[in-house]
Amino acid sequence: MTKYEKMADRFVKSGLDKDVFARKAGVKGSTLRYYLRRAKEIRASKDDSEESSEPEFMAIDLGASTHVDREITITMPGGLIIRVPIC
């Protein structure tokens, strides 16, 4: 756990207002807000890396076709579209 996450956890558990907590913790309000933002970014990054660590695959049935110019289109959850030509 990073120092940012530790400070964020202490703040949440305290139940105090940001400025009050910052004073009691001996840091500036702007420093606390920075720590809270960094903790949120770090946790979001960890969540993203955990989700993407296990790829999911799905079988594709191309079927029989006499058409020469074919492609597979893959639409990713974020909207990215990947087109793979099939010869």
C-alpha atoms as a PDB file:
ATOM      1  CA  MET A   1       0.000   0.000   0.000  1.00  0.00           C
ATOM      2  CA  THR A   2       1.441   3.383  -0.993  1.00  0.00           C
ATOM      3  CA  LYS A   3       1.752   6.382   1.309  1.00  0.00           C
ATOM      4  CA  TYR A   4      -1.073   7.993  -0.679  1.00  0.00           C
ATOM      5  CA  GLU A   5      -3.401   5.054  -0.075  1.00  0.00           C
ATOM      6  CA  LYS A   6      -2.497   4.944   3.631  1.00  0.00           C
ATOM      7  CA  MET A   7      -3.292   8.646   4.060  1.00  0.00           C
ATOM      8  CA  ALA A   8      -6.555   8.237   2.114  1.00  0.00           C
ATOM      9  CA  ASP A   9      -7.576   5.304   4.322  1.00  0.00           C
ATOM     10  CA  ARG A  10      -6.774   7.263   7.487  1.00  0.00           C
ATOM     11  CA  PHE A  11      -8.837  10.185   6.185  1.00  0.00           C
ATOM     12  CA  VAL A  12     -11.864   8.025   5.330  1.00  0.00           C
ATOM     13  CA  LYS A  13     -11.740   6.215   8.687  1.00  0.00           C
ATOM     14  CA  SER A  14     -11.483   9.533  10.565  1.00  0.00           C
ATOM     15  CA  GLY A  15     -14.840  10.799   9.307  1.00  0.00           C
ATOM     16  CA  LEU A  16     -13.436  14.332   9.508  1.00  0.00           C
ATOM     17  CA  ASP A  17     -13.685  17.219   7.073  1.00  0.00           C
ATOM     18  CA  LYS A  18     -10.662  17.435   4.730  1.00  0.00           C
ATOM     19  CA  ASP A  19      -9.339  20.657   6.250  1.00  0.00           C
ATOM     20  CA  VAL A  20      -9.765  19.427   9.829  1.00  0.00           C
ATOM     21  CA  PHE A  21      -8.078  16.110   9.039  1.00  0.00           C
ATOM     22  CA  ALA A  22      -5.216  17.870   7.235  1.00  0.00           C
ATOM     23  CA  ARG A  23      -4.575  20.124  10.243  1.00  0.00           C
ATOM     24  CA  LYS A  24      -4.600  17.158  12.644  1.00  0.00           C
ATOM     25  CA  ALA A  25      -2.325  15.153  10.319  1.00  0.00           C
ATOM     26  CA  GLY A  26       0.088  18.085  10.053  1.00  0.00           C
ATOM     27  CA  VAL A  27      -0.241  18.569   6.294  1.00  0.00           C
ATOM     28  CA  LYS A  28      -1.629  21.340   4.130  1.00  0.00           C
ATOM     29  CA  GLY A  29      -5.138  20.941   2.721  1.00  0.00           C
ATOM     30  CA  SER A  30      -3.717  21.001  -0.806  1.00  0.00           C
ATOM     31  CA  THR A  31      -1.319  18.185   0.096  1.00  0.00           C
ATOM     32  CA  LEU A  32      -4.168  16.065   1.438  1.00  0.00           C
ATOM     33  CA  ARG A  33      -6.224  16.677  -1.703  1.00  0.00           C
ATOM     34  CA  TYR A  34      -3.203  15.641  -3.816  1.00  0.00           C
ATOM     35  CA  TYR A  35      -2.770  12.461  -1.756  1.00  0.00           C
ATOM     36  CA  LEU A  36      -6.456  11.606  -2.110  1.00  0.00           C
ATOM     37  CA  ARG A  37      -6.315  12.134  -5.878  1.00  0.00           C
ATOM     38  CA  ARG A  38      -3.141  10.010  -6.224  1.00  0.00           C
ATOM     39  CA  ALA A  39      -4.665   7.222  -4.099  1.00  0.00           C
ATOM     40  CA  LYS A  40      -7.732   7.207  -6.345  1.00  0.00           C
ATOM     41  CA  GLU A  41      -5.559   7.054  -9.495  1.00  0.00           C
ATOM     42  CA  ILE A  42      -3.410   4.253  -8.072  1.00  0.00           C
ATOM     43  CA  ARG A  43      -6.435   2.192  -7.083  1.00  0.00           C
ATOM     44  CA  ALA A  44      -8.050   2.737 -10.492  1.00  0.00           C
ATOM     45  CA  SER A  45      -4.814   1.651 -12.167  1.00  0.00           C
ATOM     46  CA  LYS A  46      -4.680  -1.496 -10.025  1.00  0.00           C
ATOM     47  CA  ASP A  47      -8.307  -2.286 -10.906  1.00  0.00           C
ATOM     48  CA  ASP A  48      -7.587  -1.850 -14.624  1.00  0.00           C
ATOM     49  CA  SER A  49      -4.508  -4.071 -14.525  1.00  0.00           C
ATOM     50  CA  GLU A  50      -6.382  -6.803 -12.639  1.00  0.00           C
ATOM     51  CA  GLU A  51      -9.191  -6.774 -15.185  1.00  0.00           C
ATOM     52  CA  SER A  52      -6.842  -6.916 -18.165  1.00  0.00           C
ATOM     53  CA  SER A  53      -4.561  -9.617 -16.737  1.00  0.00           C
ATOM     54  CA  GLU A  54      -6.866 -12.428 -17.860  1.00  0.00           C
ATOM     55  CA  PRO A  55      -7.796 -12.158 -21.545  1.00  0.00           C
ATOM     56  CA  GLU A  56     -11.158 -13.480 -22.601  1.00  0.00           C
ATOM     57  CA  PHE A  57     -11.577 -15.244 -25.927  1.00  0.00           C
ATOM     58  CA  MET A  58     -14.703 -16.124 -27.836  1.00  0.00           C
ATOM     59  CA  ALA A  59     -15.003 -18.671 -30.634  1.00  0.00           C
ATOM     60  CA  ILE A  60     -15.958 -17.218 -34.016  1.00  0.00           C
ATOM     61  CA  ASP A  61     -17.784 -19.275 -36.637  1.00  0.00           C
ATOM     62  CA  LEU A  62     -16.931 -17.808 -40.026  1.00  0.00           C
ATOM     63  CA  GLY A  63     -19.154 -20.213 -41.907  1.00  0.00           C
ATOM     64  CA  ALA A  64     -18.728 -21.180 -45.544  1.00  0.00           C
ATOM     65  CA  SER A  65     -18.595 -18.328 -48.007  1.00  0.00           C
ATOM     66  CA  THR A  66     -17.518 -17.816 -51.588  1.00  0.00           C
ATOM     67  CA  HIS A  67     -16.927 -14.111 -50.996  1.00  0.00           C
ATOM     68  CA  VAL A  68     -13.204 -13.350 -51.295  1.00  0.00           C
ATOM     69  CA  ASP A  69     -12.983  -9.996 -49.484  1.00  0.00           C
ATOM     70  CA  ARG A  70     -13.939 -10.830 -45.904  1.00  0.00           C
ATOM     71  CA  GLU A  71     -12.884  -9.461 -42.569  1.00  0.00           C
ATOM     72  CA  ILE A  72     -13.411 -10.126 -38.893  1.00  0.00           C
ATOM     73  CA  THR A  73     -14.555  -7.104 -36.921  1.00  0.00           C
ATOM     74  CA  ILE A  74     -13.860  -7.019 -33.201  1.00  0.00           C
ATOM     75  CA  THR A  75     -15.462  -4.295 -31.103  1.00  0.00           C
ATOM     76  CA  MET A  76     -13.759  -3.786 -27.743  1.00  0.00           C
ATOM     77  CA  PRO A  77     -15.656  -2.656 -24.602  1.00  0.00           C
ATOM     78  CA  GLY A  78     -14.098   0.821 -24.819  1.00  0.00           C
ATOM     79  CA  GLY A  79     -15.349   1.281 -28.389  1.00  0.00           C
ATOM     80  CA  LEU A  80     -12.111   0.380 -30.198  1.00  0.00           C
ATOM     81  CA  ILE A  81     -12.868  -1.451 -33.455  1.00  0.00           C
ATOM     82  CA  ILE A  82     -10.357  -3.945 -34.870  1.00  0.00           C
ATOM     83  CA  ARG A  83     -10.788  -5.248 -38.416  1.00  0.00           C
ATOM     84  CA  VAL A  84      -8.776  -8.278 -39.544  1.00  0.00           C
ATOM     85  CA  PRO A  85      -8.877  -9.141 -43.260  1.00  0.00           C
ATOM     86  CA  ILE A  86      -9.323 -12.807 -44.172  1.00  0.00           C
ATOM     87  CA  CYS A  87      -7.815 -13.998 -47.440  1.00  0.00           C
END
